PDB file of N, CA and C in Angstrom:
ATOM      1  N   MET A   1      -7.315 -86.075 -21.061  1.00  0.00           N
ATOM      2  CA  MET A   1      -7.422 -87.116 -20.068  1.00  0.00           C
ATOM      3  C   MET A   1      -6.573 -86.778 -18.841  1.00  0.00           C
ATOM      4  N   ARG A   2      -5.419 -86.183 -19.059  1.00  0.00           N
ATOM      5  CA  ARG A   2      -4.539 -85.820 -17.950  1.00  0.00           C
ATOM      6  C   ARG A   2      -5.206 -84.801 -17.029  1.00  0.00           C
ATOM      7  N   TRP A   3      -5.934 -83.858 -17.620  1.00  0.00           N
ATOM      8  CA  TRP A   3      -6.630 -82.842 -16.843  1.00  0.00           C
ATOM      9  C   TRP A   3      -7.692 -83.484 -15.961  1.00  0.00           C
ATOM     10  N   ILE A   4      -8.446 -84.433 -16.497  1.00  0.00           N
ATOM     11  CA  ILE A   4      -9.491 -85.118 -15.734  1.00  0.00           C
ATOM     12  C   ILE A   4      -8.883 -85.913 -14.584  1.00  0.00           C
ATOM     13  N   LYS A   5      -7.783 -86.571 -14.839  1.00  0.00           N
ATOM     14  CA  LYS A   5      -7.100 -87.345 -13.800  1.00  0.00           C
ATOM     15  C   LYS A   5      -6.599 -86.421 -12.682  1.00  0.00           C
ATOM     16  N   GLY A   6      -6.025 -85.299 -13.054  1.00  0.00           N
ATOM     17  CA  GLY A   6      -5.557 -84.326 -12.059  1.00  0.00           C
ATOM     18  C   GLY A   6      -6.699 -83.732 -11.258  1.00  0.00           C
ATOM     19  N   PHE A   7      -7.809 -83.466 -11.919  1.00  0.00           N
ATOM     20  CA  PHE A   7      -9.000 -82.927 -11.248  1.00  0.00           C
ATOM     21  C   PHE A   7      -9.535 -83.936 -10.235  1.00  0.00           C
ATOM     22  N   GLY A   8      -9.591 -85.195 -10.632  1.00  0.00           N
ATOM     23  CA  GLY A   8     -10.052 -86.242  -9.718  1.00  0.00           C
ATOM     24  C   GLY A   8      -9.117 -86.416  -8.532  1.00  0.00           C
ATOM     25  N   ARG A   9      -7.816 -86.361  -8.773  1.00  0.00           N
ATOM     26  CA  ARG A   9      -6.846 -86.477  -7.678  1.00  0.00           C
ATOM     27  C   ARG A   9      -6.961 -85.312  -6.706  1.00  0.00           C
ATOM     28  N   PHE A  10      -7.187 -84.108  -7.234  1.00  0.00           N
ATOM     29  CA  PHE A  10      -7.364 -82.944  -6.364  1.00  0.00           C
ATOM     30  C   PHE A  10      -8.544 -83.152  -5.432  1.00  0.00           C
ATOM     31  N   TRP A  11      -9.690 -83.544  -5.985  1.00  0.00           N
ATOM     32  CA  TRP A  11     -10.880 -83.711  -5.154  1.00  0.00           C
ATOM     33  C   TRP A  11     -10.734 -84.871  -4.177  1.00  0.00           C
ATOM     34  N   TRP A  12     -10.074 -85.946  -4.580  1.00  0.00           N
ATOM     35  CA  TRP A  12      -9.827 -87.060  -3.666  1.00  0.00           C
ATOM     36  C   TRP A  12      -8.977 -86.572  -2.486  1.00  0.00           C
ATOM     37  N   ASP A  13      -7.909 -85.843  -2.779  1.00  0.00           N
ATOM     38  CA  ASP A  13      -7.036 -85.343  -1.725  1.00  0.00           C
ATOM     39  C   ASP A  13      -7.742 -84.297  -0.862  1.00  0.00           C
ATOM     40  N   PHE A  14      -8.581 -83.471  -1.474  1.00  0.00           N
ATOM     41  CA  PHE A  14      -9.295 -82.425  -0.730  1.00  0.00           C
ATOM     42  C   PHE A  14     -10.336 -83.019   0.208  1.00  0.00           C
ATOM     43  N   VAL A  15     -11.101 -83.993  -0.261  1.00  0.00           N
ATOM     44  CA  VAL A  15     -12.173 -84.572   0.550  1.00  0.00           C
ATOM     45  C   VAL A  15     -11.636 -85.628   1.503  1.00  0.00           C
ATOM     46  N   ILE A  16     -10.858 -86.547   1.021  1.00  0.00           N
ATOM     47  CA  ILE A  16     -10.356 -87.644   1.847  1.00  0.00           C
ATOM     48  C   ILE A  16      -9.151 -87.192   2.657  1.00  0.00           C
ATOM     49  N   GLY A  17      -8.200 -86.560   2.026  1.00  0.00           N
ATOM     50  CA  GLY A  17      -7.024 -86.053   2.727  1.00  0.00           C
ATOM     51  C   GLY A  17      -6.214 -87.154   3.369  1.00  0.00           C
ATOM     52  N   ASP A  18      -5.765 -86.907   4.590  1.00  0.00           N
ATOM     53  CA  ASP A  18      -4.921 -87.856   5.304  1.00  0.00           C
ATOM     54  C   ASP A  18      -5.722 -88.888   6.081  1.00  0.00           C
ATOM     55  N   ASP A  19      -6.981 -88.603   6.365  1.00  0.00           N
ATOM     56  CA  ASP A  19      -7.760 -89.484   7.242  1.00  0.00           C
ATOM     57  C   ASP A  19      -9.073 -89.871   6.553  1.00  0.00           C
ATOM     58  N   TRP A  20      -9.071 -91.015   5.898  1.00  0.00           N
ATOM     59  CA  TRP A  20     -10.270 -91.474   5.188  1.00  0.00           C
ATOM     60  C   TRP A  20     -11.409 -91.769   6.155  1.00  0.00           C
ATOM     61  N   LEU A  21     -11.085 -92.201   7.371  1.00  0.00           N
ATOM     62  CA  LEU A  21     -12.126 -92.520   8.346  1.00  0.00           C
ATOM     63  C   LEU A  21     -12.908 -91.267   8.741  1.00  0.00           C
ATOM     64  N   ALA A  22     -12.219 -90.154   8.913  1.00  0.00           N
ATOM     65  CA  ALA A  22     -12.897 -88.899   9.249  1.00  0.00           C
ATOM     66  C   ALA A  22     -13.850 -88.493   8.123  1.00  0.00           C
ATOM     67  N   ALA A  23     -13.425 -88.647   6.879  1.00  0.00           N
ATOM     68  CA  ALA A  23     -14.284 -88.295   5.752  1.00  0.00           C
ATOM     69  C   ALA A  23     -15.528 -89.178   5.713  1.00  0.00           C
ATOM     70  N   VAL A  24     -15.356 -90.462   5.972  1.00  0.00           N
ATOM     71  CA  VAL A  24     -16.502 -91.383   5.982  1.00  0.00           C
ATOM     72  C   VAL A  24     -17.453 -91.044   7.120  1.00  0.00           C
ATOM     73  N   LEU A  25     -16.915 -90.769   8.297  1.00  0.00           N
ATOM     74  CA  LEU A  25     -17.768 -90.455   9.443  1.00  0.00           C
ATOM     75  C   LEU A  25     -18.534 -89.143   9.251  1.00  0.00           C
ATOM     76  N   VAL A  26     -17.910 -88.156   8.650  1.00  0.00           N
ATOM     77  CA  VAL A  26     -18.615 -86.900   8.364  1.00  0.00           C
ATOM     78  C   VAL A  26     -19.714 -87.147   7.330  1.00  0.00           C
ATOM     79  N   ALA A  27     -19.452 -87.962   6.320  1.00  0.00           N
ATOM     80  CA  ALA A  27     -20.480 -88.284   5.322  1.00  0.00           C
ATOM     81  C   ALA A  27     -21.650 -89.025   5.970  1.00  0.00           C
ATOM     82  N   VAL A  28     -21.357 -89.944   6.878  1.00  0.00           N
ATOM     83  CA  VAL A  28     -22.417 -90.657   7.602  1.00  0.00           C
ATOM     84  C   VAL A  28     -23.210 -89.676   8.460  1.00  0.00           C
ATOM     85  N   ALA A  29     -22.525 -88.759   9.132  1.00  0.00           N
ATOM     86  CA  ALA A  29     -23.211 -87.771   9.966  1.00  0.00           C
ATOM     87  C   ALA A  29     -24.129 -86.881   9.128  1.00  0.00           C
ATOM     88  N   ILE A  30     -23.690 -86.506   7.938  1.00  0.00           N
ATOM     89  CA  ILE A  30     -24.536 -85.708   7.041  1.00  0.00           C
ATOM     90  C   ILE A  30     -25.783 -86.503   6.648  1.00  0.00           C
ATOM     91  N   GLY A  31     -25.597 -87.779   6.334  1.00  0.00           N
ATOM     92  CA  GLY A  31     -26.739 -88.621   5.974  1.00  0.00           C
ATOM     93  C   GLY A  31     -27.714 -88.799   7.120  1.00  0.00           C
ATOM     94  N   VAL A  32     -27.193 -89.034   8.324  1.00  0.00           N
ATOM     95  CA  VAL A  32     -28.065 -89.198   9.490  1.00  0.00           C
ATOM     96  C   VAL A  32     -28.799 -87.895   9.788  1.00  0.00           C
ATOM     97  N   THR A  33     -28.110 -86.777   9.694  1.00  0.00           N
ATOM     98  CA  THR A  33     -28.755 -85.479   9.914  1.00  0.00           C
ATOM     99  C   THR A  33     -29.860 -85.247   8.894  1.00  0.00           C
ATOM    100  N   ALA A  34     -29.609 -85.581   7.650  1.00  0.00           N
ATOM    101  CA  ALA A  34     -30.637 -85.419   6.616  1.00  0.00           C
ATOM    102  C   ALA A  34     -31.836 -86.320   6.888  1.00  0.00           C
ATOM    103  N   ALA A  35     -31.584 -87.548   7.311  1.00  0.00           N
ATOM    104  CA  ALA A  35     -32.685 -88.475   7.595  1.00  0.00           C
ATOM    105  C   ALA A  35     -33.521 -87.992   8.776  1.00  0.00           C
ATOM    106  N   ILE A  36     -32.861 -87.507   9.810  1.00  0.00           N
ATOM    107  CA  ILE A  36     -33.593 -86.998  10.972  1.00  0.00           C
ATOM    108  C   ILE A  36     -34.387 -85.753  10.599  1.00  0.00           C
ATOM    109  N   ALA A  37     -33.775 -84.847   9.856  1.00  0.00           N
ATOM    110  CA  ALA A  37     -34.468 -83.629   9.440  1.00  0.00           C
ATOM    111  C   ALA A  37     -35.643 -83.947   8.522  1.00  0.00           C
ATOM    112  N   HIS A  38     -35.500 -84.975   7.706  1.00  0.00           N
ATOM    113  CA  HIS A  38     -36.584 -85.370   6.797  1.00  0.00           C
ATOM    114  C   HIS A  38     -37.800 -85.881   7.567  1.00  0.00           C
ATOM    115  N   SER A  39     -37.567 -86.417   8.749  1.00  0.00           N
ATOM    116  CA  SER A  39     -38.683 -86.905   9.559  1.00  0.00           C
ATOM    117  C   SER A  39     -39.254 -85.810  10.461  1.00  0.00           C
ATOM    118  N   HIS A  40     -38.937 -84.562  10.150  1.00  0.00           N
ATOM    119  CA  HIS A  40     -39.480 -83.376  10.827  1.00  0.00           C
ATOM    120  C   HIS A  40     -39.083 -83.302  12.298  1.00  0.00           C
ATOM    121  N   ILE A  41     -37.880 -83.754  12.601  1.00  0.00           N
ATOM    122  CA  ILE A  41     -37.313 -83.613  13.933  1.00  0.00           C
ATOM    123  C   ILE A  41     -36.169 -82.610  13.821  1.00  0.00           C
ATOM    124  N   THR A  42     -36.056 -81.717  14.789  1.00  0.00           N
ATOM    125  CA  THR A  42     -34.989 -80.729  14.774  1.00  0.00           C
ATOM    126  C   THR A  42     -33.641 -81.434  14.865  1.00  0.00           C
ATOM    127  N   ALA A  43     -32.785 -81.211  13.878  1.00  0.00           N
ATOM    128  CA  ALA A  43     -31.522 -81.939  13.802  1.00  0.00           C
ATOM    129  C   ALA A  43     -30.314 -81.015  13.679  1.00  0.00           C
ATOM    130  N   TRP A  44     -30.480 -79.737  13.928  1.00  0.00           N
ATOM    131  CA  TRP A  44     -29.364 -78.795  13.749  1.00  0.00           C
ATOM    132  C   TRP A  44     -28.204 -79.097  14.684  1.00  0.00           C
ATOM    133  N   TRP A  45     -28.470 -79.688  15.803  1.00  0.00           N
ATOM    134  CA  TRP A  45     -27.459 -79.943  16.835  1.00  0.00           C
ATOM    135  C   TRP A  45     -26.563 -81.137  16.503  1.00  0.00           C
ATOM    136  N   LEU A  46     -27.005 -82.004  15.601  1.00  0.00           N
ATOM    137  CA  LEU A  46     -26.274 -83.243  15.350  1.00  0.00           C
ATOM    138  C   LEU A  46     -24.918 -83.018  14.671  1.00  0.00           C
ATOM    139  N   MET A  47     -24.850 -82.141  13.695  1.00  0.00           N
ATOM    140  CA  MET A  47     -23.585 -81.940  12.981  1.00  0.00           C
ATOM    141  C   MET A  47     -22.483 -81.369  13.874  1.00  0.00           C
ATOM    142  N   PRO A  48     -22.740 -80.352  14.707  1.00  0.00           N
ATOM    143  CA  PRO A  48     -21.653 -79.897  15.591  1.00  0.00           C
ATOM    144  C   PRO A  48     -21.165 -80.994  16.536  1.00  0.00           C
ATOM    145  N   VAL A  49     -22.086 -81.786  17.063  1.00  0.00           N
ATOM    146  CA  VAL A  49     -21.697 -82.890  17.946  1.00  0.00           C
ATOM    147  C   VAL A  49     -20.888 -83.930  17.172  1.00  0.00           C
ATOM    148  N   ALA A  50     -21.325 -84.251  15.966  1.00  0.00           N
ATOM    149  CA  ALA A  50     -20.624 -85.235  15.141  1.00  0.00           C
ATOM    150  C   ALA A  50     -19.229 -84.745  14.756  1.00  0.00           C
ATOM    151  N   VAL A  51     -19.118 -83.483  14.409  1.00  0.00           N
ATOM    152  CA  VAL A  51     -17.811 -82.938  14.023  1.00  0.00           C
ATOM    153  C   VAL A  51     -16.856 -82.960  15.214  1.00  0.00           C
ATOM    154  N   LEU A  52     -17.345 -82.608  16.389  1.00  0.00           N
ATOM    155  CA  LEU A  52     -16.498 -82.679  17.588  1.00  0.00           C
ATOM    156  C   LEU A  52     -16.066 -84.119  17.870  1.00  0.00           C
ATOM    157  N   GLY A  53     -16.982 -85.059  17.706  1.00  0.00           N
ATOM    158  CA  GLY A  53     -16.643 -86.466  17.908  1.00  0.00           C
ATOM    159  C   GLY A  53     -15.621 -86.967  16.904  1.00  0.00           C
ATOM    160  N   VAL A  54     -15.790 -86.602  15.647  1.00  0.00           N
ATOM    161  CA  VAL A  54     -14.844 -87.020  14.601  1.00  0.00           C
ATOM    162  C   VAL A  54     -13.479 -86.372  14.842  1.00  0.00           C
ATOM    163  N   LEU A  55     -13.471 -85.108  15.243  1.00  0.00           N
ATOM    164  CA  LEU A  55     -12.210 -84.433  15.546  1.00  0.00           C
ATOM    165  C   LEU A  55     -11.495 -85.117  16.704  1.00  0.00           C
ATOM    166  N   TRP A  56     -12.235 -85.453  17.752  1.00  0.00           N
ATOM    167  CA  TRP A  56     -11.647 -86.142  18.907  1.00  0.00           C
ATOM    168  C   TRP A  56     -11.057 -87.486  18.481  1.00  0.00           C
ATOM    169  N   LEU A  57     -11.821 -88.248  17.702  1.00  0.00           N
ATOM    170  CA  LEU A  57     -11.343 -89.551  17.251  1.00  0.00           C
ATOM    171  C   LEU A  57     -10.104 -89.408  16.369  1.00  0.00           C
ATOM    172  N   SER A  58     -10.123 -88.447  15.469  1.00  0.00           N
ATOM    173  CA  SER A  58      -8.995 -88.243  14.571  1.00  0.00           C
ATOM    174  C   SER A  58      -7.740 -87.834  15.346  1.00  0.00           C
ATOM    175  N   LEU A  59      -7.892 -86.935  16.300  1.00  0.00           N
ATOM    176  CA  LEU A  59      -6.745 -86.519  17.106  1.00  0.00           C
ATOM    177  C   LEU A  59      -6.219 -87.668  17.956  1.00  0.00           C
ATOM    178  N   ARG A  60      -7.117 -88.455  18.503  1.00  0.00           N
ATOM    179  CA  ARG A  60      -6.717 -89.605  19.310  1.00  0.00           C
ATOM    180  C   ARG A  60      -5.914 -90.602  18.482  1.00  0.00           C
ATOM    181  N   ARG A  61      -6.380 -90.869  17.260  1.00  0.00           N
ATOM    182  CA  ARG A  61      -5.661 -91.782  16.369  1.00  0.00           C
ATOM    183  C   ARG A  61      -4.300 -91.216  15.982  1.00  0.00           C
ATOM    184  N   ALA A  62      -4.227 -89.899  15.760  1.00  0.00           N
ATOM    185  CA  ALA A  62      -2.949 -89.269  15.370  1.00  0.00           C
ATOM    186  C   ALA A  62      -1.948 -89.313  16.518  1.00  0.00           C
ATOM    187  N   ILE A  63      -2.418 -89.091  17.729  1.00  0.00           N
ATOM    188  CA  ILE A  63      -1.517 -89.119  18.882  1.00  0.00           C
ATOM    189  C   ILE A  63      -1.000 -90.534  19.120  1.00  0.00           C
ATOM    190  N   ARG A  64      -1.844 -91.520  18.986  1.00  0.00           N
ATOM    191  CA  ARG A  64      -1.417 -92.907  19.195  1.00  0.00           C
ATOM    192  C   ARG A  64      -0.425 -93.369  18.140  1.00  0.00           C
ATOM    193  N   SER A  65      -0.539 -92.870  16.926  1.00  0.00           N
ATOM    194  CA  SER A  65       0.354 -93.324  15.857  1.00  0.00           C
ATOM    195  C   SER A  65       1.685 -92.582  15.876  1.00  0.00           C
ATOM    196  N   ALA A  66       1.777 -91.504  16.617  1.00  0.00           N
ATOM    197  CA  ALA A  66       3.029 -90.716  16.644  1.00  0.00           C
ATOM    198  C   ALA A  66       4.053 -91.295  17.578  1.00  0.00           C
TER     199      ALA A  66
END
């Protein structure tokens, strides 16, 4: 049981890390990209734009809290 708990904590820390909002926004961006691609629209450009937006938001929040 201890091993399972440690494994779960590792993945929580790896995926969520310090900024849970960034993880949620990236997951939403992946879902939106998949939905757009499923409707046969070119969606390769969405993830780089989303990642840049999430990075900007995360940095802005970090600077304001410092």
